[in-house]
Amino acid sequence: MTKFDLHIHSNCSDGSDTVDELAEKIKKAEIEIFALTDHDTVEGCKLMSEKFEKGFIKGIELTCLLEDIKCHILGYSIDIENPKLKELIEKGKILRRKKLETRIHYLKDTWDFEFTKEELDWLYSRKSVVKLHLANILVKRGLAENNIAAMEKYLNGCKTGNTRFDGKEAIETIQQAGGIAVWAHPLGGEGEKHLDFNTFIPKLEKMLKYNIQGLECYYSRYNKEEIKFLTDCAEKYNLYTTGGSDYHGTNKNIPLTKLNTDNTPVELEVLNFPKIY
């Protein structure tokens, strides 16, 4: 059986593992096909390319708003030097900086919490900053037991406005960069309430209008019924199917190659996905 995982994060976004650490874990786990899909950055892909001659797919996960749908769009087999993609990533840095500063001010005004200079320097030095990074600092300061509790208590009440990419632009940019645009965890991601099937279909129909090419059907938080529903949808609408764990190291309790709630192995051959690896 070919071991694979098409949704993995390094510490270039919100994972805990450096690219070096992640590469060693992938080799040790004998994963033959994998994609690095950091949020809104390809810095990790540049480093990972030096470590694997085959089996590595350059990817990205873009945080988007498509009409009224908050979603994450995975881009697979992208040209990470594509000018349009670089331009979009730079735009994302500005959006994330705005969101970061809003959250910093919120913590000060609402909770009388101030970051140290060292903490601020670290946050501002990162390629991609998300809520999880702030939560981890709150945990280190002893203000919460874990990062989920920290986000729920201290950060979820912060209104940051829309700082997401336009979904149409994200899909078009991925495709212009030679990639394949796939809807990540379409029924809901980590910690989110999953969509019921009847609610999902109208959202999928909207995504199809903007040329989404695939669905992440096999996912660490989806059960057999949800996976069957998504694969049926992909077949009906002639979409690619992918599978990924959404591994984040110690920042999320998800092991590499976990592609369903039972953690049962999945054959690579069940995916309807181009052989871009």
C-alpha atoms as a PDB file:
ATOM      1  CA  MET A   1       0.000   0.000   0.000  1.00  0.00           C
ATOM      2  CA  THR A   2       1.280   3.449  -0.972  1.00  0.00           C
ATOM      3  CA  LYS A   3       1.218   5.756   2.047  1.00  0.00           C
ATOM      4  CA  PHE A   4       0.184   9.297   1.241  1.00  0.00           C
ATOM      5  CA  ASP A   5      -0.902  12.560   2.849  1.00  0.00           C
ATOM      6  CA  LEU A   6      -1.884  15.563   0.746  1.00  0.00           C
ATOM      7  CA  HIS A   7      -2.523  18.083   3.534  1.00  0.00           C
ATOM      8  CA  ILE A   8       0.427  18.829   5.828  1.00  0.00           C
ATOM      9  CA  HIS A   9       1.638  22.005   7.575  1.00  0.00           C
ATOM     10  CA  SER A  10       5.085  23.093   8.743  1.00  0.00           C
ATOM     11  CA  ASN A  11       6.064  25.933  11.049  1.00  0.00           C
ATOM     12  CA  CYS A  12       6.273  28.204   8.012  1.00  0.00           C
ATOM     13  CA  SER A  13       2.572  28.633   8.790  1.00  0.00           C
ATOM     14  CA  ASP A  14       0.848  27.164  11.842  1.00  0.00           C
ATOM     15  CA  GLY A  15       2.473  23.751  12.212  1.00  0.00           C
ATOM     16  CA  SER A  16       4.955  23.068  14.994  1.00  0.00           C
ATOM     17  CA  ASP A  17       7.570  21.163  12.950  1.00  0.00           C
ATOM     18  CA  THR A  18      10.361  22.821  11.019  1.00  0.00           C
ATOM     19  CA  VAL A  19      10.735  21.632   7.432  1.00  0.00           C
ATOM     20  CA  ASP A  20      13.766  19.581   8.500  1.00  0.00           C
ATOM     21  CA  GLU A  21      11.829  17.910  11.312  1.00  0.00           C
ATOM     22  CA  LEU A  22       8.836  17.292   9.075  1.00  0.00           C
ATOM     23  CA  ALA A  23      10.978  15.770   6.324  1.00  0.00           C
ATOM     24  CA  GLU A  24      12.517  13.339   8.801  1.00  0.00           C
ATOM     25  CA  LYS A  25       9.084  12.314  10.110  1.00  0.00           C
ATOM     26  CA  ILE A  26       7.810  11.757   6.569  1.00  0.00           C
ATOM     27  CA  LYS A  27      10.801   9.563   5.735  1.00  0.00           C
ATOM     28  CA  LYS A  28      10.527   7.648   9.013  1.00  0.00           C
ATOM     29  CA  ALA A  29       6.804   7.019   8.417  1.00  0.00           C
ATOM     30  CA  GLU A  30       7.651   5.800   4.882  1.00  0.00           C
ATOM     31  CA  ILE A  31       5.183   8.217   3.303  1.00  0.00           C
ATOM     32  CA  GLU A  32       5.718   7.990  -0.453  1.00  0.00           C
ATOM     33  CA  ILE A  33       3.427  10.766  -1.706  1.00  0.00           C
ATOM     34  CA  PHE A  34       2.797  13.996   0.211  1.00  0.00           C
ATOM     35  CA  ALA A  35       1.986  17.668  -0.215  1.00  0.00           C
ATOM     36  CA  LEU A  36       3.129  20.555   1.950  1.00  0.00           C
ATOM     37  CA  THR A  37       0.168  22.956   2.093  1.00  0.00           C
ATOM     38  CA  ASP A  38       1.086  25.776   4.441  1.00  0.00           C
ATOM     39  CA  HIS A  39      -1.389  28.611   4.884  1.00  0.00           C
ATOM     40  CA  ASP A  40      -0.853  31.435   2.390  1.00  0.00           C
ATOM     41  CA  THR A  41       2.878  30.835   1.949  1.00  0.00           C
ATOM     42  CA  VAL A  42       5.212  28.659  -0.142  1.00  0.00           C
ATOM     43  CA  GLU A  43       8.369  29.256   1.891  1.00  0.00           C
ATOM     44  CA  GLY A  44       8.268  25.703   3.234  1.00  0.00           C
ATOM     45  CA  CYS A  45       7.929  24.271  -0.265  1.00  0.00           C
ATOM     46  CA  LYS A  46      11.158  25.979  -1.299  1.00  0.00           C
ATOM     47  CA  LEU A  47      12.986  24.216   1.531  1.00  0.00           C
ATOM     48  CA  MET A  48      11.221  20.870   1.126  1.00  0.00           C
ATOM     49  CA  SER A  49      12.099  20.720  -2.580  1.00  0.00           C
ATOM     50  CA  GLU A  50      15.728  20.278  -1.594  1.00  0.00           C
ATOM     51  CA  LYS A  51      14.956  17.137   0.417  1.00  0.00           C
ATOM     52  CA  PHE A  52      12.905  14.962  -1.959  1.00  0.00           C
ATOM     53  CA  GLU A  53      13.562  13.994  -5.569  1.00  0.00           C
ATOM     54  CA  LYS A  54      10.138  12.391  -5.998  1.00  0.00           C
ATOM     55  CA  GLY A  55       6.825  12.043  -4.204  1.00  0.00           C
ATOM     56  CA  PHE A  56       6.675  15.681  -3.064  1.00  0.00           C
ATOM     57  CA  ILE A  57       3.862  17.925  -4.338  1.00  0.00           C
ATOM     58  CA  LYS A  58       4.276  21.682  -3.913  1.00  0.00           C
ATOM     59  CA  GLY A  59       1.100  23.039  -2.368  1.00  0.00           C
ATOM     60  CA  ILE A  60      -0.571  25.907  -0.562  1.00  0.00           C
ATOM     61  CA  GLU A  61      -3.766  26.457   1.431  1.00  0.00           C
ATOM     62  CA  LEU A  62      -5.446  29.804   0.821  1.00  0.00           C
ATOM     63  CA  THR A  63      -7.905  31.253   3.346  1.00  0.00           C
ATOM     64  CA  CYS A  64     -10.810  32.528   1.261  1.00  0.00           C
ATOM     65  CA  LEU A  65     -14.275  34.037   1.065  1.00  0.00           C
ATOM     66  CA  LEU A  66     -16.196  33.003  -2.044  1.00  0.00           C
ATOM     67  CA  GLU A  67     -19.488  34.879  -2.140  1.00  0.00           C
ATOM     68  CA  ASP A  68     -20.819  34.031   1.346  1.00  0.00           C
ATOM     69  CA  ILE A  69     -18.748  30.858   1.799  1.00  0.00           C
ATOM     70  CA  LYS A  70     -15.798  30.942   4.185  1.00  0.00           C
ATOM     71  CA  CYS A  71     -13.502  28.266   2.831  1.00  0.00           C
ATOM     72  CA  HIS A  72      -9.946  27.066   2.414  1.00  0.00           C
ATOM     73  CA  ILE A  73      -8.689  26.335  -1.093  1.00  0.00           C
ATOM     74  CA  LEU A  74      -5.803  23.930  -1.587  1.00  0.00           C
ATOM     75  CA  GLY A  75      -3.514  24.469  -4.554  1.00  0.00           C
ATOM     76  CA  TYR A  76      -1.581  21.408  -5.755  1.00  0.00           C
ATOM     77  CA  SER A  77       1.422  21.182  -8.083  1.00  0.00           C
ATOM     78  CA  ILE A  78       1.804  24.938  -8.256  1.00  0.00           C
ATOM     79  CA  ASP A  79       4.691  26.872  -9.755  1.00  0.00           C
ATOM     80  CA  ILE A  80       5.880  28.590  -6.589  1.00  0.00           C
ATOM     81  CA  GLU A  81       7.736  31.186  -8.662  1.00  0.00           C
ATOM     82  CA  ASN A  82       4.635  32.217 -10.604  1.00  0.00           C
ATOM     83  CA  PRO A  83       4.368  36.062 -10.530  1.00  0.00           C
ATOM     84  CA  LYS A  84       0.594  36.098 -10.013  1.00  0.00           C
ATOM     85  CA  LEU A  85       0.889  33.655  -7.098  1.00  0.00           C
ATOM     86  CA  LYS A  86       3.686  35.726  -5.547  1.00  0.00           C
ATOM     87  CA  GLU A  87       1.519  38.818  -5.863  1.00  0.00           C
ATOM     88  CA  LEU A  88      -1.389  37.085  -4.134  1.00  0.00           C
ATOM     89  CA  ILE A  89       0.855  35.851  -1.313  1.00  0.00           C
ATOM     90  CA  GLU A  90       2.140  39.391  -0.762  1.00  0.00           C
ATOM     91  CA  LYS A  91      -1.450  40.614  -0.577  1.00  0.00           C
ATOM     92  CA  GLY A  92      -2.086  37.904   2.016  1.00  0.00           C
ATOM     93  CA  LYS A  93       0.795  39.122   4.169  1.00  0.00           C
ATOM     94  CA  ILE A  94      -0.842  42.548   4.346  1.00  0.00           C
ATOM     95  CA  LEU A  95      -4.216  41.010   5.251  1.00  0.00           C
ATOM     96  CA  ARG A  96      -2.658  38.841   7.964  1.00  0.00           C
ATOM     97  CA  ARG A  97      -0.694  41.786   9.367  1.00  0.00           C
ATOM     98  CA  LYS A  98      -3.952  43.727   9.668  1.00  0.00           C
ATOM     99  CA  LYS A  99      -5.628  40.796  11.428  1.00  0.00           C
ATOM    100  CA  LEU A 100      -2.657  40.319  13.773  1.00  0.00           C
ATOM    101  CA  GLU A 101      -2.653  43.964  14.835  1.00  0.00           C
ATOM    102  CA  THR A 102      -6.420  43.887  15.413  1.00  0.00           C
ATOM    103  CA  ARG A 103      -6.008  40.884  17.712  1.00  0.00           C
ATOM    104  CA  ILE A 104      -3.074  42.451  19.573  1.00  0.00           C
ATOM    105  CA  HIS A 105      -5.153  45.574  20.280  1.00  0.00           C
ATOM    106  CA  TYR A 106      -8.154  43.434  21.259  1.00  0.00           C
ATOM    107  CA  LEU A 107      -6.150  41.479  23.827  1.00  0.00           C
ATOM    108  CA  LYS A 108      -4.848  44.725  25.322  1.00  0.00           C
ATOM    109  CA  ASP A 109      -8.213  46.514  25.384  1.00  0.00           C
ATOM    110  CA  THR A 110     -10.386  43.577  26.447  1.00  0.00           C
ATOM    111  CA  TRP A 111      -8.064  41.450  28.581  1.00  0.00           C
ATOM    112  CA  ASP A 112      -5.330  43.915  29.534  1.00  0.00           C
ATOM    113  CA  PHE A 113      -2.811  41.518  27.987  1.00  0.00           C
ATOM    114  CA  GLU A 114       0.384  42.852  26.449  1.00  0.00           C
ATOM    115  CA  PHE A 115       2.961  40.922  24.469  1.00  0.00           C
ATOM    116  CA  THR A 116       6.631  41.343  25.285  1.00  0.00           C
ATOM    117  CA  LYS A 117       8.969  42.861  22.712  1.00  0.00           C
ATOM    118  CA  GLU A 118      10.469  39.434  22.098  1.00  0.00           C
ATOM    119  CA  GLU A 119       7.016  37.928  21.485  1.00  0.00           C
ATOM    120  CA  LEU A 120       6.058  40.742  19.111  1.00  0.00           C
ATOM    121  CA  ASP A 121       9.336  40.430  17.223  1.00  0.00           C
ATOM    122  CA  TRP A 122       8.700  36.713  16.786  1.00  0.00           C
ATOM    123  CA  LEU A 123       5.125  37.241  15.592  1.00  0.00           C
ATOM    124  CA  TYR A 124       6.083  39.926  13.088  1.00  0.00           C
ATOM    125  CA  SER A 125       9.007  37.885  11.758  1.00  0.00           C
ATOM    126  CA  ARG A 126       6.811  34.989  10.646  1.00  0.00           C
ATOM    127  CA  LYS A 127       5.767  34.386   7.051  1.00  0.00           C
ATOM    128  CA  SER A 128       2.215  33.472   8.036  1.00  0.00           C
ATOM    129  CA  VAL A 129       0.672  34.345  11.423  1.00  0.00           C
ATOM    130  CA  VAL A 130      -2.629  32.844  12.551  1.00  0.00           C
ATOM    131  CA  LYS A 131      -4.727  32.860  15.706  1.00  0.00           C
ATOM    132  CA  LEU A 132      -3.014  29.685  16.881  1.00  0.00           C
ATOM    133  CA  HIS A 133       0.325  31.479  17.272  1.00  0.00           C
ATOM    134  CA  LEU A 134      -1.180  34.005  19.672  1.00  0.00           C
ATOM    135  CA  ALA A 135      -2.988  31.242  21.544  1.00  0.00           C
ATOM    136  CA  ASN A 136       0.260  29.324  22.060  1.00  0.00           C
ATOM    137  CA  ILE A 137       1.804  32.394  23.669  1.00  0.00           C
ATOM    138  CA  LEU A 138      -1.192  32.711  25.993  1.00  0.00           C
ATOM    139  CA  VAL A 139      -0.738  29.064  26.990  1.00  0.00           C
ATOM    140  CA  LYS A 140       2.971  29.614  27.671  1.00  0.00           C
ATOM    141  CA  ARG A 141       2.011  32.520  29.908  1.00  0.00           C
ATOM    142  CA  GLY A 142      -0.209  30.168  31.904  1.00  0.00           C
ATOM    143  CA  LEU A 143      -3.495  31.805  30.884  1.00  0.00           C
ATOM    144  CA  ALA A 144      -5.052  28.687  29.363  1.00  0.00           C
ATOM    145  CA  GLU A 145      -4.590  24.934  29.520  1.00  0.00           C
ATOM    146  CA  ASN A 146      -4.249  24.506  25.744  1.00  0.00           C
ATOM    147  CA  ASN A 147      -4.423  26.548  22.562  1.00  0.00           C
ATOM    148  CA  ILE A 148      -8.059  25.639  21.844  1.00  0.00           C
ATOM    149  CA  ALA A 149      -9.126  26.908  25.263  1.00  0.00           C
ATOM    150  CA  ALA A 150      -7.014  30.036  24.753  1.00  0.00           C
ATOM    151  CA  MET A 151      -8.669  30.795  21.428  1.00  0.00           C
ATOM    152  CA  GLU A 152     -12.159  30.208  22.797  1.00  0.00           C
ATOM    153  CA  LYS A 153     -11.675  32.430  25.840  1.00  0.00           C
ATOM    154  CA  TYR A 154      -9.401  35.208  24.628  1.00  0.00           C
ATOM    155  CA  LEU A 155      -9.572  35.435  20.833  1.00  0.00           C
ATOM    156  CA  ASN A 156     -12.823  34.165  19.367  1.00  0.00           C
ATOM    157  CA  GLY A 157     -14.637  37.332  20.419  1.00  0.00           C
ATOM    158  CA  CYS A 158     -12.313  39.509  18.368  1.00  0.00           C
ATOM    159  CA  LYS A 159     -13.949  40.828  15.191  1.00  0.00           C
ATOM    160  CA  THR A 160     -11.262  41.185  12.528  1.00  0.00           C
ATOM    161  CA  GLY A 161     -13.504  41.924   9.540  1.00  0.00           C
ATOM    162  CA  ASN A 162     -12.894  40.229   6.218  1.00  0.00           C
ATOM    163  CA  THR A 163      -9.186  39.569   5.809  1.00  0.00           C
ATOM    164  CA  ARG A 164      -9.626  36.562   3.511  1.00  0.00           C
ATOM    165  CA  PHE A 165      -8.631  36.205  -0.113  1.00  0.00           C
ATOM    166  CA  ASP A 166     -11.352  36.526  -2.709  1.00  0.00           C
ATOM    167  CA  GLY A 167     -12.192  32.909  -3.548  1.00  0.00           C
ATOM    168  CA  LYS A 168     -12.534  33.577  -7.265  1.00  0.00           C
ATOM    169  CA  GLU A 169      -9.105  35.190  -7.400  1.00  0.00           C
ATOM    170  CA  ALA A 170      -7.584  32.359  -5.342  1.00  0.00           C
ATOM    171  CA  ILE A 171      -8.895  29.631  -7.654  1.00  0.00           C
ATOM    172  CA  GLU A 172      -7.855  31.549 -10.772  1.00  0.00           C
ATOM    173  CA  THR A 173      -4.380  32.221  -9.360  1.00  0.00           C
ATOM    174  CA  ILE A 174      -3.791  28.566  -8.468  1.00  0.00           C
ATOM    175  CA  GLN A 175      -4.771  27.548 -11.988  1.00  0.00           C
ATOM    176  CA  GLN A 176      -2.653  30.285 -13.598  1.00  0.00           C
ATOM    177  CA  ALA A 177       0.263  28.917 -11.570  1.00  0.00           C
ATOM    178  CA  GLY A 178      -0.299  25.537 -13.233  1.00  0.00           C
ATOM    179  CA  GLY A 179      -1.991  24.061 -10.186  1.00  0.00           C
ATOM    180  CA  ILE A 180      -5.181  22.244  -9.256  1.00  0.00           C
ATOM    181  CA  ALA A 181      -7.681  24.009  -6.976  1.00  0.00           C
ATOM    182  CA  VAL A 182      -9.322  21.760  -4.374  1.00  0.00           C
ATOM    183  CA  TRP A 183     -11.831  22.653  -1.649  1.00  0.00           C
ATOM    184  CA  ALA A 184     -10.191  21.728   1.665  1.00  0.00           C
ATOM    185  CA  HIS A 185     -12.274  19.912   4.339  1.00  0.00           C
ATOM    186  CA  PRO A 186     -15.482  21.081   2.609  1.00  0.00           C
ATOM    187  CA  LEU A 187     -17.852  19.873   5.342  1.00  0.00           C
ATOM    188  CA  GLY A 188     -15.857  21.762   7.985  1.00  0.00           C
ATOM    189  CA  GLY A 189     -12.341  21.701   9.372  1.00  0.00           C
ATOM    190  CA  GLU A 190     -10.781  21.144  12.777  1.00  0.00           C
ATOM    191  CA  GLY A 191     -13.042  22.301  15.597  1.00  0.00           C
ATOM    192  CA  GLU A 192     -15.851  23.355  13.243  1.00  0.00           C
ATOM    193  CA  LYS A 193     -19.394  22.043  13.213  1.00  0.00           C
ATOM    194  CA  HIS A 194     -19.778  19.893  10.118  1.00  0.00           C
ATOM    195  CA  LEU A 195     -22.276  20.914   7.461  1.00  0.00           C
ATOM    196  CA  ASP A 196     -25.254  18.668   6.962  1.00  0.00           C
ATOM    197  CA  PHE A 197     -25.497  17.234   3.468  1.00  0.00           C
ATOM    198  CA  ASN A 198     -28.477  19.332   2.370  1.00  0.00           C
ATOM    199  CA  THR A 199     -26.709  22.544   3.396  1.00  0.00           C
ATOM    200  CA  PHE A 200     -23.538  21.514   1.584  1.00  0.00           C
ATOM    201  CA  ILE A 201     -25.005  21.003  -1.887  1.00  0.00           C
ATOM    202  CA  PRO A 202     -25.954  24.678  -2.564  1.00  0.00           C
ATOM    203  CA  LYS A 203     -22.479  25.720  -1.411  1.00  0.00           C
ATOM    204  CA  LEU A 204     -20.874  23.198  -3.749  1.00  0.00           C
ATOM    205  CA  GLU A 205     -22.969  24.515  -6.633  1.00  0.00           C
ATOM    206  CA  LYS A 206     -21.609  28.004  -5.942  1.00  0.00           C
ATOM    207  CA  MET A 207     -18.047  26.688  -5.839  1.00  0.00           C
ATOM    208  CA  LEU A 208     -18.575  24.953  -9.177  1.00  0.00           C
ATOM    209  CA  LYS A 209     -19.460  28.288 -10.787  1.00  0.00           C
ATOM    210  CA  TYR A 210     -15.915  29.421 -10.013  1.00  0.00           C
ATOM    211  CA  ASN A 211     -14.261  26.293 -11.434  1.00  0.00           C
ATOM    212  CA  ILE A 212     -13.279  24.468  -8.274  1.00  0.00           C
ATOM    213  CA  GLN A 213     -11.617  21.277  -9.489  1.00  0.00           C
ATOM    214  CA  GLY A 214     -11.718  18.917  -6.547  1.00  0.00           C
ATOM    215  CA  LEU A 215     -12.887  18.029  -3.049  1.00  0.00           C
ATOM    216  CA  GLU A 216     -10.828  16.872  -0.081  1.00  0.00           C
ATOM    217  CA  CYS A 217     -12.988  13.816   0.576  1.00  0.00           C
ATOM    218  CA  TYR A 218     -10.693  11.797   2.829  1.00  0.00           C
ATOM    219  CA  TYR A 219      -9.947  13.841   5.940  1.00  0.00           C
ATOM    220  CA  SER A 220      -8.874  13.077   9.504  1.00  0.00           C
ATOM    221  CA  ARG A 221     -12.122  14.398  11.028  1.00  0.00           C
ATOM    222  CA  TYR A 222     -14.574  12.777   8.557  1.00  0.00           C
ATOM    223  CA  ASN A 223     -16.372   9.495   9.181  1.00  0.00           C
ATOM    224  CA  LYS A 224     -17.256   6.852   6.582  1.00  0.00           C
ATOM    225  CA  GLU A 225     -20.676   8.351   5.868  1.00  0.00           C
ATOM    226  CA  GLU A 226     -19.224  11.812   5.257  1.00  0.00           C
ATOM    227  CA  ILE A 227     -16.466  10.418   3.026  1.00  0.00           C
ATOM    228  CA  LYS A 228     -18.983   8.401   1.001  1.00  0.00           C
ATOM    229  CA  PHE A 229     -21.166  11.488   0.546  1.00  0.00           C
ATOM    230  CA  LEU A 230     -18.234  13.614  -0.631  1.00  0.00           C
ATOM    231  CA  THR A 231     -16.867  11.006  -3.022  1.00  0.00           C
ATOM    232  CA  ASP A 232     -20.359  10.593  -4.486  1.00  0.00           C
ATOM    233  CA  CYS A 233     -20.553  14.372  -4.975  1.00  0.00           C
ATOM    234  CA  ALA A 234     -17.133  14.388  -6.642  1.00  0.00           C
ATOM    235  CA  GLU A 235     -18.185  11.621  -8.996  1.00  0.00           C
ATOM    236  CA  LYS A 236     -21.500  13.323  -9.834  1.00  0.00           C
ATOM    237  CA  TYR A 237     -19.847  16.636 -10.683  1.00  0.00           C
ATOM    238  CA  ASN A 238     -16.704  15.146 -12.263  1.00  0.00           C
ATOM    239  CA  LEU A 239     -14.343  16.528  -9.614  1.00  0.00           C
ATOM    240  CA  TYR A 240     -10.981  15.293  -8.414  1.00  0.00           C
ATOM    241  CA  THR A 241     -10.836  13.641  -4.978  1.00  0.00           C
ATOM    242  CA  THR A 242      -7.953  14.120  -2.536  1.00  0.00           C
ATOM    243  CA  GLY A 243      -7.097  13.045   0.991  1.00  0.00           C
ATOM    244  CA  GLY A 244      -5.107  14.627   3.782  1.00  0.00           C
ATOM    245  CA  SER A 245      -4.663  14.584   7.522  1.00  0.00           C
ATOM    246  CA  ASP A 246      -4.281  18.350   8.120  1.00  0.00           C
ATOM    247  CA  TYR A 247      -1.214  17.525  10.211  1.00  0.00           C
ATOM    248  CA  HIS A 248       0.081  20.418  12.353  1.00  0.00           C
ATOM    249  CA  GLY A 249       2.519  18.619  14.654  1.00  0.00           C
ATOM    250  CA  THR A 250       1.858  19.339  18.324  1.00  0.00           C
ATOM    251  CA  ASN A 251      -0.459  22.236  17.456  1.00  0.00           C
ATOM    252  CA  LYS A 252      -3.246  19.787  16.574  1.00  0.00           C
ATOM    253  CA  ASN A 253      -3.813  16.237  17.757  1.00  0.00           C
ATOM    254  CA  ILE A 254      -3.694  14.718  14.264  1.00  0.00           C
ATOM    255  CA  PRO A 255      -1.089  12.143  13.169  1.00  0.00           C
ATOM    256  CA  LEU A 256       0.378  12.021   9.681  1.00  0.00           C
ATOM    257  CA  THR A 257      -1.633   9.960   7.136  1.00  0.00           C
ATOM    258  CA  LYS A 258      -4.811   9.933   9.238  1.00  0.00           C
ATOM    259  CA  LEU A 259      -7.475  10.147   6.528  1.00  0.00           C
ATOM    260  CA  ASN A 260     -10.653   9.325   8.466  1.00  0.00           C
ATOM    261  CA  THR A 261     -11.952   9.226  12.026  1.00  0.00           C
ATOM    262  CA  ASP A 262     -11.166   5.499  12.325  1.00  0.00           C
ATOM    263  CA  ASN A 263      -7.589   6.017  11.101  1.00  0.00           C
ATOM    264  CA  THR A 264      -8.010   3.057   8.752  1.00  0.00           C
ATOM    265  CA  PRO A 265      -5.575   2.947   5.810  1.00  0.00           C
ATOM    266  CA  VAL A 266      -6.694   4.386   2.485  1.00  0.00           C
ATOM    267  CA  GLU A 267      -5.411   3.104  -0.849  1.00  0.00           C
ATOM    268  CA  LEU A 268      -3.928   5.795  -3.067  1.00  0.00           C
ATOM    269  CA  GLU A 269      -5.773   4.208  -5.969  1.00  0.00           C
ATOM    270  CA  VAL A 270      -9.179   5.262  -4.573  1.00  0.00           C
ATOM    271  CA  LEU A 271      -8.304   8.910  -5.289  1.00  0.00           C
ATOM    272  CA  ASN A 272      -9.427  10.407  -8.555  1.00  0.00           C
ATOM    273  CA  PHE A 273      -6.390  12.651  -8.837  1.00  0.00           C
ATOM    274  CA  PRO A 274      -3.791  13.339 -11.560  1.00  0.00           C
ATOM    275  CA  LYS A 275      -0.439  11.625 -11.166  1.00  0.00           C
ATOM    276  CA  ILE A 276       1.451  14.846 -10.484  1.00  0.00           C
ATOM    277  CA  TYR A 277       3.863  13.176  -8.069  1.00  0.00           C
END
